[in-house]
C-alpha atoms as a PDB file:
ATOM      1  CA  MET A   1       9.672 115.373-121.508  1.00  0.00           C
ATOM      2  CA  GLY A   2       9.705 114.617-125.181  1.00  0.00           C
ATOM      3  CA  ASP A   3       7.553 112.347-127.299  1.00  0.00           C
ATOM      4  CA  LEU A   4       9.596 109.763-129.182  1.00  0.00           C
ATOM      5  CA  ALA A   5       9.565 109.239-132.945  1.00  0.00           C
ATOM      6  CA  PHE A   6       9.680 105.475-133.246  1.00  0.00           C
ATOM      7  CA  ASP A   7       8.670 102.528-135.401  1.00  0.00           C
ATOM      8  CA  PHE A   8       6.393 100.618-133.031  1.00  0.00           C
ATOM      9  CA  SER A   9       6.113  97.710-135.466  1.00  0.00           C
ATOM     10  CA  SER A  10       9.620  96.539-134.517  1.00  0.00           C
ATOM     11  CA  MET A  11       9.509  95.428-130.886  1.00  0.00           C
ATOM     12  CA  ALA A  12      10.870  91.856-130.798  1.00  0.00           C
ATOM     13  CA  GLU A  13      14.293  93.012-129.616  1.00  0.00           C
ATOM     14  CA  PHE A  14      12.781  94.864-126.653  1.00  0.00           C
ATOM     15  CA  ASP A  15      10.413  91.990-125.844  1.00  0.00           C
ATOM     16  CA  ALA A  16      13.424  89.673-125.606  1.00  0.00           C
ATOM     17  CA  LEU A  17      15.160  92.061-123.199  1.00  0.00           C
ATOM     18  CA  ALA A  18      12.035  92.328-121.042  1.00  0.00           C
ATOM     19  CA  GLN A  19      11.708  88.530-120.927  1.00  0.00           C
ATOM     20  CA  SER A  20      15.361  88.219-119.918  1.00  0.00           C
ATOM     21  CA  VAL A  21      14.936  90.725-117.066  1.00  0.00           C
ATOM     22  CA  ALA A  22      11.769  89.014-115.797  1.00  0.00           C
ATOM     23  CA  ALA A  23      13.607  85.684-115.701  1.00  0.00           C
ATOM     24  CA  LYS A  24      16.698  87.166-114.031  1.00  0.00           C
ATOM     25  CA  LEU A  25      14.716  88.952-111.320  1.00  0.00           C
ATOM     26  CA  ASN A  26      12.169  86.139-111.012  1.00  0.00           C
ATOM     27  CA  CYS A  27       9.297  88.618-111.206  1.00  0.00           C
ATOM     28  CA  GLN A  28       5.781  88.578-112.622  1.00  0.00           C
ATOM     29  CA  MET A  29       6.420  91.008-115.460  1.00  0.00           C
ATOM     30  CA  CYS A  30       8.917  93.424-116.994  1.00  0.00           C
ATOM     31  CA  LEU A  31       8.007  96.383-119.201  1.00  0.00           C
ATOM     32  CA  VAL A  32      10.089  98.763-121.334  1.00  0.00           C
ATOM     33  CA  SER A  33       7.813 101.765-121.916  1.00  0.00           C
ATOM     34  CA  VAL A  34       8.257 105.028-123.839  1.00  0.00           C
ATOM     35  CA  LEU A  35       6.182 108.192-123.984  1.00  0.00           C
ATOM     36  CA  HIS A  36       3.811 108.331-126.946  1.00  0.00           C
ATOM     37  CA  GLY A  37       1.476 111.318-126.772  1.00  0.00           C
ATOM     38  CA  GLU A  38      -0.113 111.202-123.324  1.00  0.00           C
ATOM     39  CA  ALA A  39       0.415 107.453-123.044  1.00  0.00           C
ATOM     40  CA  LEU A  40       3.197 105.109-122.113  1.00  0.00           C
ATOM     41  CA  ARG A  41       3.600 102.440-124.765  1.00  0.00           C
ATOM     42  CA  ALA A  42       5.412  99.197-123.983  1.00  0.00           C
ATOM     43  CA  LEU A  43       8.164  98.681-126.542  1.00  0.00           C
ATOM     44  CA  GLY A  44       9.178  95.609-124.583  1.00  0.00           C
ATOM     45  CA  HIS A  45       6.794  93.262-122.762  1.00  0.00           C
ATOM     46  CA  SER A  46       7.873  90.071-121.005  1.00  0.00           C
ATOM     47  CA  LYS A  47       4.574  88.312-121.774  1.00  0.00           C
ATOM     48  CA  GLN A  48       4.882  86.720-125.193  1.00  0.00           C
ATOM     49  CA  GLY A  49       2.279  87.689-127.787  1.00  0.00           C
ATOM     50  CA  GLU A  50       0.869  90.579-125.755  1.00  0.00           C
ATOM     51  CA  PRO A  51      -1.550  92.437-128.100  1.00  0.00           C
ATOM     52  CA  VAL A  52      -0.896  96.064-129.035  1.00  0.00           C
ATOM     53  CA  GLU A  53      -3.928  97.358-127.134  1.00  0.00           C
ATOM     54  CA  ASP A  54      -2.579  95.891-123.877  1.00  0.00           C
ATOM     55  CA  ARG A  55       0.748  97.670-124.321  1.00  0.00           C
ATOM     56  CA  ILE A  56      -0.686 101.188-123.946  1.00  0.00           C
ATOM     57  CA  MET A  57      -1.867 103.088-120.846  1.00  0.00           C
ATOM     58  CA  TYR A  58      -2.136 106.774-120.041  1.00  0.00           C
ATOM     59  CA  ALA A  59       1.084 107.801-118.305  1.00  0.00           C
ATOM     60  CA  ARG A  60      -0.916 109.361-115.461  1.00  0.00           C
ATOM     61  CA  ASP A  61      -2.507 105.950-114.768  1.00  0.00           C
ATOM     62  CA  THR A  62       0.800 104.139-114.219  1.00  0.00           C
ATOM     63  CA  ILE A  63       3.565 104.027-111.631  1.00  0.00           C
ATOM     64  CA  CYS A  64       6.044 104.208-114.504  1.00  0.00           C
ATOM     65  CA  GLY A  65       4.571 107.618-115.320  1.00  0.00           C
ATOM     66  CA  HIS A  66       5.708 108.754-111.867  1.00  0.00           C
ATOM     67  CA  THR A  67       9.164 107.221-112.407  1.00  0.00           C
ATOM     68  CA  MET A  68       9.487 109.022-115.743  1.00  0.00           C
ATOM     69  CA  ARG A  69       8.344 112.389-114.352  1.00  0.00           C
ATOM     70  CA  THR A  70      10.756 112.301-111.410  1.00  0.00           C
ATOM     71  CA  GLY A  71      13.637 110.938-113.475  1.00  0.00           C
ATOM     72  CA  ALA A  72      14.769 108.800-110.537  1.00  0.00           C
ATOM     73  CA  PRO A  73      14.740 105.064-109.658  1.00  0.00           C
ATOM     74  CA  LEU A  74      11.774 103.886-107.588  1.00  0.00           C
ATOM     75  CA  ARG A  75      11.404 100.889-105.263  1.00  0.00           C
ATOM     76  CA  VAL A  76       7.973 100.100-103.786  1.00  0.00           C
ATOM     77  CA  VAL A  77       7.858  97.096-101.448  1.00  0.00           C
ATOM     78  CA  ASP A  78       4.077  96.918-101.000  1.00  0.00           C
ATOM     79  CA  VAL A  79       2.190  98.898-103.641  1.00  0.00           C
ATOM     80  CA  ARG A  80      -1.302  98.209-102.253  1.00  0.00           C
ATOM     81  CA  ASN A  81      -0.340  99.655 -98.863  1.00  0.00           C
ATOM     82  CA  ASP A  82       1.484 102.664-100.288  1.00  0.00           C
ATOM     83  CA  ALA A  83      -0.739 105.760-100.230  1.00  0.00           C
ATOM     84  CA  ARG A  84       1.088 107.218-103.246  1.00  0.00           C
ATOM     85  CA  PHE A  85       0.263 104.383-105.612  1.00  0.00           C
ATOM     86  CA  ARG A  86      -2.463 102.070-104.294  1.00  0.00           C
ATOM     87  CA  ASP A  87      -5.183 103.905-106.249  1.00  0.00           C
ATOM     88  CA  VAL A  88      -3.239 104.147-109.505  1.00  0.00           C
ATOM     89  CA  PRO A  89      -5.376 102.352-112.153  1.00  0.00           C
ATOM     90  CA  SER A  90      -2.546 100.119-113.413  1.00  0.00           C
ATOM     91  CA  VAL A  91      -2.104  98.593-109.937  1.00  0.00           C
ATOM     92  CA  GLU A  92      -5.474  96.861-110.097  1.00  0.00           C
ATOM     93  CA  ALA A  93      -5.393  96.249-113.840  1.00  0.00           C
ATOM     94  CA  MET A  94      -1.997  94.534-113.723  1.00  0.00           C
ATOM     95  CA  SER A  95      -2.255  93.013-110.214  1.00  0.00           C
ATOM     96  CA  ILE A  96       0.890  94.801-109.023  1.00  0.00           C
ATOM     97  CA  GLY A  97       2.107  93.886-105.543  1.00  0.00           C
ATOM     98  CA  ALA A  98       5.630  95.365-105.682  1.00  0.00           C
ATOM     99  CA  TYR A  99       7.355  97.702-108.137  1.00  0.00           C
ATOM    100  CA  LEU A 100      10.943  98.362-109.186  1.00  0.00           C
ATOM    101  CA  GLY A 101      11.493 100.973-111.895  1.00  0.00           C
ATOM    102  CA  VAL A 102      14.115 103.220-113.480  1.00  0.00           C
ATOM    103  CA  PRO A 103      13.662 106.093-115.960  1.00  0.00           C
ATOM    104  CA  LEU A 104      14.755 105.874-119.590  1.00  0.00           C
ATOM    105  CA  CYS A 105      16.421 109.079-120.775  1.00  0.00           C
ATOM    106  CA  ARG A 106      17.824 110.717-123.884  1.00  0.00           C
ATOM    107  CA  GLU A 107      21.471 111.767-124.094  1.00  0.00           C
ATOM    108  CA  ASP A 108      20.608 115.170-122.616  1.00  0.00           C
ATOM    109  CA  GLY A 109      18.992 113.536-119.560  1.00  0.00           C
ATOM    110  CA  LEU A 110      15.393 114.205-120.611  1.00  0.00           C
ATOM    111  CA  PRO A 111      13.164 111.281-119.509  1.00  0.00           C
ATOM    112  CA  ILE A 112      11.370 109.551-122.391  1.00  0.00           C
ATOM    113  CA  GLY A 113       9.989 106.495-120.595  1.00  0.00           C
ATOM    114  CA  ALA A 114      10.683 103.931-117.905  1.00  0.00           C
ATOM    115  CA  MET A 115      11.689 100.313-117.417  1.00  0.00           C
ATOM    116  CA  CYS A 116      10.123  98.336-114.594  1.00  0.00           C
ATOM    117  CA  ALA A 117       9.952  94.961-112.892  1.00  0.00           C
ATOM    118  CA  LEU A 118       6.624  93.989-111.295  1.00  0.00           C
ATOM    119  CA  ALA A 119       5.900  91.392-108.610  1.00  0.00           C
ATOM    120  CA  ALA A 120       2.464  90.008-107.793  1.00  0.00           C
ATOM    121  CA  SER A 121       3.103  90.113-104.038  1.00  0.00           C
ATOM    122  CA  PRO A 122       4.947  92.520-101.714  1.00  0.00           C
ATOM    123  CA  ARG A 123       8.693  92.192-102.142  1.00  0.00           C
ATOM    124  CA  ILE A 124      11.861  93.833-100.858  1.00  0.00           C
ATOM    125  CA  TRP A 125      14.006  94.790-103.851  1.00  0.00           C
ATOM    126  CA  SER A 126      17.739  94.511-103.218  1.00  0.00           C
ATOM    127  CA  ASN A 127      20.406  97.028-104.206  1.00  0.00           C
ATOM    128  CA  SER A 128      21.883  94.478-106.609  1.00  0.00           C
ATOM    129  CA  GLU A 129      18.488  94.023-108.330  1.00  0.00           C
ATOM    130  CA  LEU A 130      18.181  97.782-108.769  1.00  0.00           C
ATOM    131  CA  ALA A 131      21.745  97.993-110.115  1.00  0.00           C
ATOM    132  CA  TYR A 132      20.969  95.213-112.607  1.00  0.00           C
ATOM    133  CA  LEU A 133      17.829  96.988-113.857  1.00  0.00           C
ATOM    134  CA  GLU A 134      19.769 100.250-114.230  1.00  0.00           C
ATOM    135  CA  ALA A 135      22.474  98.477-116.249  1.00  0.00           C
ATOM    136  CA  VAL A 136      19.888  96.970-118.607  1.00  0.00           C
ATOM    137  CA  ALA A 137      18.192 100.389-118.896  1.00  0.00           C
ATOM    138  CA  ASP A 138      21.483 101.881-120.132  1.00  0.00           C
ATOM    139  CA  LEU A 139      21.532  99.260-122.887  1.00  0.00           C
ATOM    140  CA  VAL A 140      17.878  99.924-123.710  1.00  0.00           C
ATOM    141  CA  GLU A 141      18.516 103.672-124.048  1.00  0.00           C
ATOM    142  CA  SER A 142      21.233 103.095-126.642  1.00  0.00           C
ATOM    143  CA  LYS A 143      18.974 100.700-128.565  1.00  0.00           C
ATOM    144  CA  ILE A 144      16.108 103.212-128.503  1.00  0.00           C
ATOM    145  CA  GLU A 145      18.367 105.911-129.925  1.00  0.00           C
ATOM    146  CA  ARG A 146      19.484 103.666-132.784  1.00  0.00           C
ATOM    147  CA  HIS A 147      15.899 102.648-133.557  1.00  0.00           C
ATOM    148  CA  ALA A 148      14.769 106.297-133.482  1.00  0.00           C
ATOM    149  CA  LEU A 149      17.509 107.283-135.922  1.00  0.00           C
ATOM    150  CA  ARG A 150      16.532 104.462-138.277  1.00  0.00           C
ATOM    151  CA  PHE A 151      12.896 105.558-138.061  1.00  0.00           C
ATOM    152  CA  GLU A 152      13.835 109.135-138.981  1.00  0.00           C
ATOM    153  CA  GLN A 153      15.850 107.931-141.952  1.00  0.00           C
ATOM    154  CA  LYS A 154      12.957 105.729-143.136  1.00  0.00           C
ATOM    155  CA  ALA A 155      10.707 108.786-142.970  1.00  0.00           C
ATOM    156  CA  LEU A 156      13.130 110.629-145.203  1.00  0.00           C
ATOM    157  CA  SER A 157      13.285 107.766-147.710  1.00  0.00           C
ATOM    158  CA  ALA A 158       9.654 108.320-148.707  1.00  0.00           C
ATOM    159  CA  ALA A 159      10.344 112.002-149.332  1.00  0.00           C
ATOM    160  CA  LEU A 160      13.559 111.277-151.224  1.00  0.00           C
ATOM    161  CA  ALA A 161      11.796 108.805-153.518  1.00  0.00           C
ATOM    162  CA  GLU A 162       9.878 111.748-155.011  1.00  0.00           C
ATOM    163  CA  ASN A 163      12.677 114.281-154.838  1.00  0.00           C
ATOM    164  CA  ASP A 164      15.291 113.866-157.555  1.00  0.00           C
ATOM    165  CA  ALA A 165      16.832 117.229-156.678  1.00  0.00           C
ATOM    166  CA  ILE A 166      17.731 116.122-153.147  1.00  0.00           C
ATOM    167  CA  LEU A 167      18.999 112.762-154.401  1.00  0.00           C
ATOM    168  CA  THR A 168      21.263 114.525-156.891  1.00  0.00           C
ATOM    169  CA  THR A 169      22.540 116.952-154.260  1.00  0.00           C
ATOM    170  CA  LEU A 170      23.207 114.143-151.788  1.00  0.00           C
ATOM    171  CA  ALA A 171      25.150 112.227-154.432  1.00  0.00           C
ATOM    172  CA  GLU A 172      27.245 115.291-155.239  1.00  0.00           C
ATOM    173  CA  ALA A 173      27.836 115.908-151.524  1.00  0.00           C
ATOM    174  CA  SER A 174      29.243 112.431-150.848  1.00  0.00           C
ATOM    175  CA  GLY A 175      31.557 112.518-147.832  1.00  0.00           C
ATOM    176  CA  LYS A 176      30.283 115.914-146.650  1.00  0.00           C
ATOM    177  CA  ALA A 177      28.349 116.489-143.407  1.00  0.00           C
ATOM    178  CA  ILE A 178      24.684 116.771-144.410  1.00  0.00           C
ATOM    179  CA  THR A 179      21.293 117.254-142.750  1.00  0.00           C
ATOM    180  CA  VAL A 180      17.833 117.545-144.279  1.00  0.00           C
ATOM    181  CA  HIS A 181      15.075 119.287-142.312  1.00  0.00           C
ATOM    182  CA  ASN A 182      11.500 120.401-142.893  1.00  0.00           C
ATOM    183  CA  ASP A 183      10.009 123.887-142.608  1.00  0.00           C
ATOM    184  CA  ALA A 184       9.393 123.384-138.884  1.00  0.00           C
ATOM    185  CA  GLY A 185      13.124 122.899-138.351  1.00  0.00           C
ATOM    186  CA  GLU A 186      12.670 119.191-137.600  1.00  0.00           C
ATOM    187  CA  LEU A 187      15.441 116.795-138.568  1.00  0.00           C
ATOM    188  CA  VAL A 188      14.466 114.164-141.144  1.00  0.00           C
ATOM    189  CA  PHE A 189      17.935 112.981-142.177  1.00  0.00           C
ATOM    190  CA  ALA A 190      21.545 113.164-140.996  1.00  0.00           C
ATOM    191  CA  ASN A 191      24.388 111.290-142.657  1.00  0.00           C
ATOM    192  CA  VAL A 192      27.202 109.423-140.917  1.00  0.00           C
ATOM    193  CA  ALA A 193      29.783 112.105-141.769  1.00  0.00           C
ATOM    194  CA  LEU A 194      27.896 114.667-139.685  1.00  0.00           C
ATOM    195  CA  ARG A 195      28.471 112.883-136.384  1.00  0.00           C
ATOM    196  CA  ALA A 196      31.806 111.256-137.217  1.00  0.00           C
ATOM    197  CA  ASP A 197      33.581 114.302-138.689  1.00  0.00           C
ATOM    198  CA  LEU A 198      32.074 117.018-136.495  1.00  0.00           C
ATOM    199  CA  ASP A 199      32.045 115.025-133.205  1.00  0.00           C
ATOM    200  CA  LEU A 200      28.423 115.861-132.400  1.00  0.00           C
ATOM    201  CA  THR A 201      26.150 113.978-130.019  1.00  0.00           C
ATOM    202  CA  TYR A 202      22.638 113.028-131.117  1.00  0.00           C
ATOM    203  CA  GLN A 203      21.131 115.873-129.062  1.00  0.00           C
ATOM    204  CA  GLU A 204      23.566 118.407-130.538  1.00  0.00           C
ATOM    205  CA  LEU A 205      22.638 117.129-133.970  1.00  0.00           C
ATOM    206  CA  LEU A 206      18.959 117.921-133.289  1.00  0.00           C
ATOM    207  CA  VAL A 207      19.856 121.591-132.668  1.00  0.00           C
ATOM    208  CA  LEU A 208      21.305 122.063-136.166  1.00  0.00           C
ATOM    209  CA  PRO A 209      18.070 122.037-138.223  1.00  0.00           C
ATOM    210  CA  HIS A 210      16.472 124.698-135.986  1.00  0.00           C
ATOM    211  CA  ALA A 211      19.529 126.942-136.380  1.00  0.00           C
ATOM    212  CA  ALA A 212      19.599 126.360-140.141  1.00  0.00           C
ATOM    213  CA  GLN A 213      15.881 127.082-140.452  1.00  0.00           C
ATOM    214  CA  ARG A 214      16.309 130.401-138.620  1.00  0.00           C
ATOM    215  CA  LEU A 215      18.898 131.399-141.224  1.00  0.00           C
ATOM    216  CA  ALA A 216      16.651 130.226-144.063  1.00  0.00           C
ATOM    217  CA  SER A 217      13.657 132.129-142.643  1.00  0.00           C
ATOM    218  CA  GLY A 218      15.761 135.291-142.690  1.00  0.00           C
ATOM    219  CA  GLY A 219      16.581 134.787-146.355  1.00  0.00           C
ATOM    220  CA  ALA A 220      20.195 133.695-145.830  1.00  0.00           C
ATOM    221  CA  GLN A 221      21.711 130.853-147.857  1.00  0.00           C
ATOM    222  CA  SER A 222      24.697 130.397-145.551  1.00  0.00           C
ATOM    223  CA  GLY A 223      25.937 131.486-142.143  1.00  0.00           C
ATOM    224  CA  ALA A 224      27.665 130.665-138.879  1.00  0.00           C
ATOM    225  CA  VAL A 225      26.099 128.515-136.159  1.00  0.00           C
ATOM    226  CA  SER A 226      27.397 127.901-132.634  1.00  0.00           C
ATOM    227  CA  VAL A 227      26.253 124.735-130.845  1.00  0.00           C
ATOM    228  CA  ASP A 228      26.526 124.907-127.054  1.00  0.00           C
ATOM    229  CA  THR A 229      25.331 122.173-124.696  1.00  0.00           C
ATOM    230  CA  PRO A 230      26.107 121.801-120.972  1.00  0.00           C
ATOM    231  CA  GLY A 231      29.274 119.858-120.234  1.00  0.00           C
ATOM    232  CA  ARG A 232      30.424 119.771-123.859  1.00  0.00           C
ATOM    233  CA  PRO A 233      32.834 121.947-125.875  1.00  0.00           C
ATOM    234  CA  SER A 234      31.067 124.481-128.079  1.00  0.00           C
ATOM    235  CA  HIS A 235      31.085 123.812-131.816  1.00  0.00           C
ATOM    236  CA  ASP A 236      31.450 126.728-134.253  1.00  0.00           C
ATOM    237  CA  LEU A 237      30.087 125.596-137.601  1.00  0.00           C
ATOM    238  CA  HIS A 238      29.388 127.012-141.049  1.00  0.00           C
ATOM    239  CA  VAL A 239      26.280 125.940-142.944  1.00  0.00           C
ATOM    240  CA  GLN A 240      25.371 126.190-146.623  1.00  0.00           C
ATOM    241  CA  LEU A 241      21.672 125.819-147.392  1.00  0.00           C
ATOM    242  CA  TYR A 242      19.942 124.308-150.435  1.00  0.00           C
ATOM    243  CA  ALA A 243      16.189 124.065-151.009  1.00  0.00           C
ATOM    244  CA  PRO A 244      15.636 121.470-153.754  1.00  0.00           C
ATOM    245  CA  LYS A 245      11.925 121.157-152.969  1.00  0.00           C
ATOM    246  CA  ALA A 246       9.341 123.168-151.042  1.00  0.00           C
ATOM    247  CA  GLY A 247       9.073 121.789-147.525  1.00  0.00           C
ATOM    248  CA  LEU A 248      12.586 120.324-147.311  1.00  0.00           C
ATOM    249  CA  THR A 249      15.942 122.049-146.939  1.00  0.00           C
ATOM    250  CA  LEU A 250      19.328 120.402-147.321  1.00  0.00           C
ATOM    251  CA  ALA A 251      22.178 121.810-145.237  1.00  0.00           C
ATOM    252  CA  GLU A 252      25.904 121.176-145.663  1.00  0.00           C
ATOM    253  CA  TRP A 253      27.946 121.644-142.464  1.00  0.00           C
ATOM    254  CA  SER A 254      31.637 122.304-141.823  1.00  0.00           C
ATOM    255  CA  ARG A 255      33.804 123.601-139.011  1.00  0.00           C
ATOM    256  CA  THR A 256      34.753 127.274-139.014  1.00  0.00           C
ATOM    257  CA  LYS A 257      37.458 126.860-136.345  1.00  0.00           C
ATOM    258  CA  THR A 258      38.629 124.490-133.623  1.00  0.00           C
ATOM    259  CA  ALA A 259      36.016 124.010-130.911  1.00  0.00           C
ATOM    260  CA  HIS A 260      36.765 125.795-127.632  1.00  0.00           C
ATOM    261  CA  SER A 261      35.623 124.925-124.127  1.00  0.00           C
ATOM    262  CA  THR A 262      32.727 126.785-122.591  1.00  0.00           C
ATOM    263  CA  SER A 263      33.337 128.661-119.348  1.00  0.00           C
END
């Protein structure tokens, strides 16, 4: 499981979704939670004005932590009479009688959180209610990805403000596929051309900085990189590296040949 880089100051959109689900399912509460360190943090909470401190619980102390770890939907009709969950701290703290939850995952299937509906009393959850929650979770996953990308680009903005060399290089590279990464090989910026022109998914995009940093660590300024992910064609790319400032490396990407299918 992976921790999520996210701007937790912007949660109104997820609160609105949680409120909508709680109303639709006529349940006590709905939560949209993501992994943050060892805790699950509620991006979305159906109770209006819920303070920040009440949005965070250790993942191990929640049923959603179990849903996230297994990566599978979970229906619990009577939580307090279920030996698996009756002693979980969140059950008492949140007065949970019944639980319906689905995992939230990245594009590569890695769980990053969970979305749940909670009832105060035992309740039999129908197949249609589960299907509805899964459909909303799909929407939530796409929103989380967009928010995470915006957060990464905001993080880069602070660095760019003090880095005229990168700004100049980015201006000169207009229309080219560009990433910027740090010395740990972590992505801090990717422009629109990278995904649009090279047909990369978000998870494939995250592989590029690590590959570029391996080349840079070996003293190379350019080289070939092959991106292979299960169920996707491989991408054979060429990268040119620039290091306008210590700690940040700019990489310009292009195709070396037409992608071919993996066996």
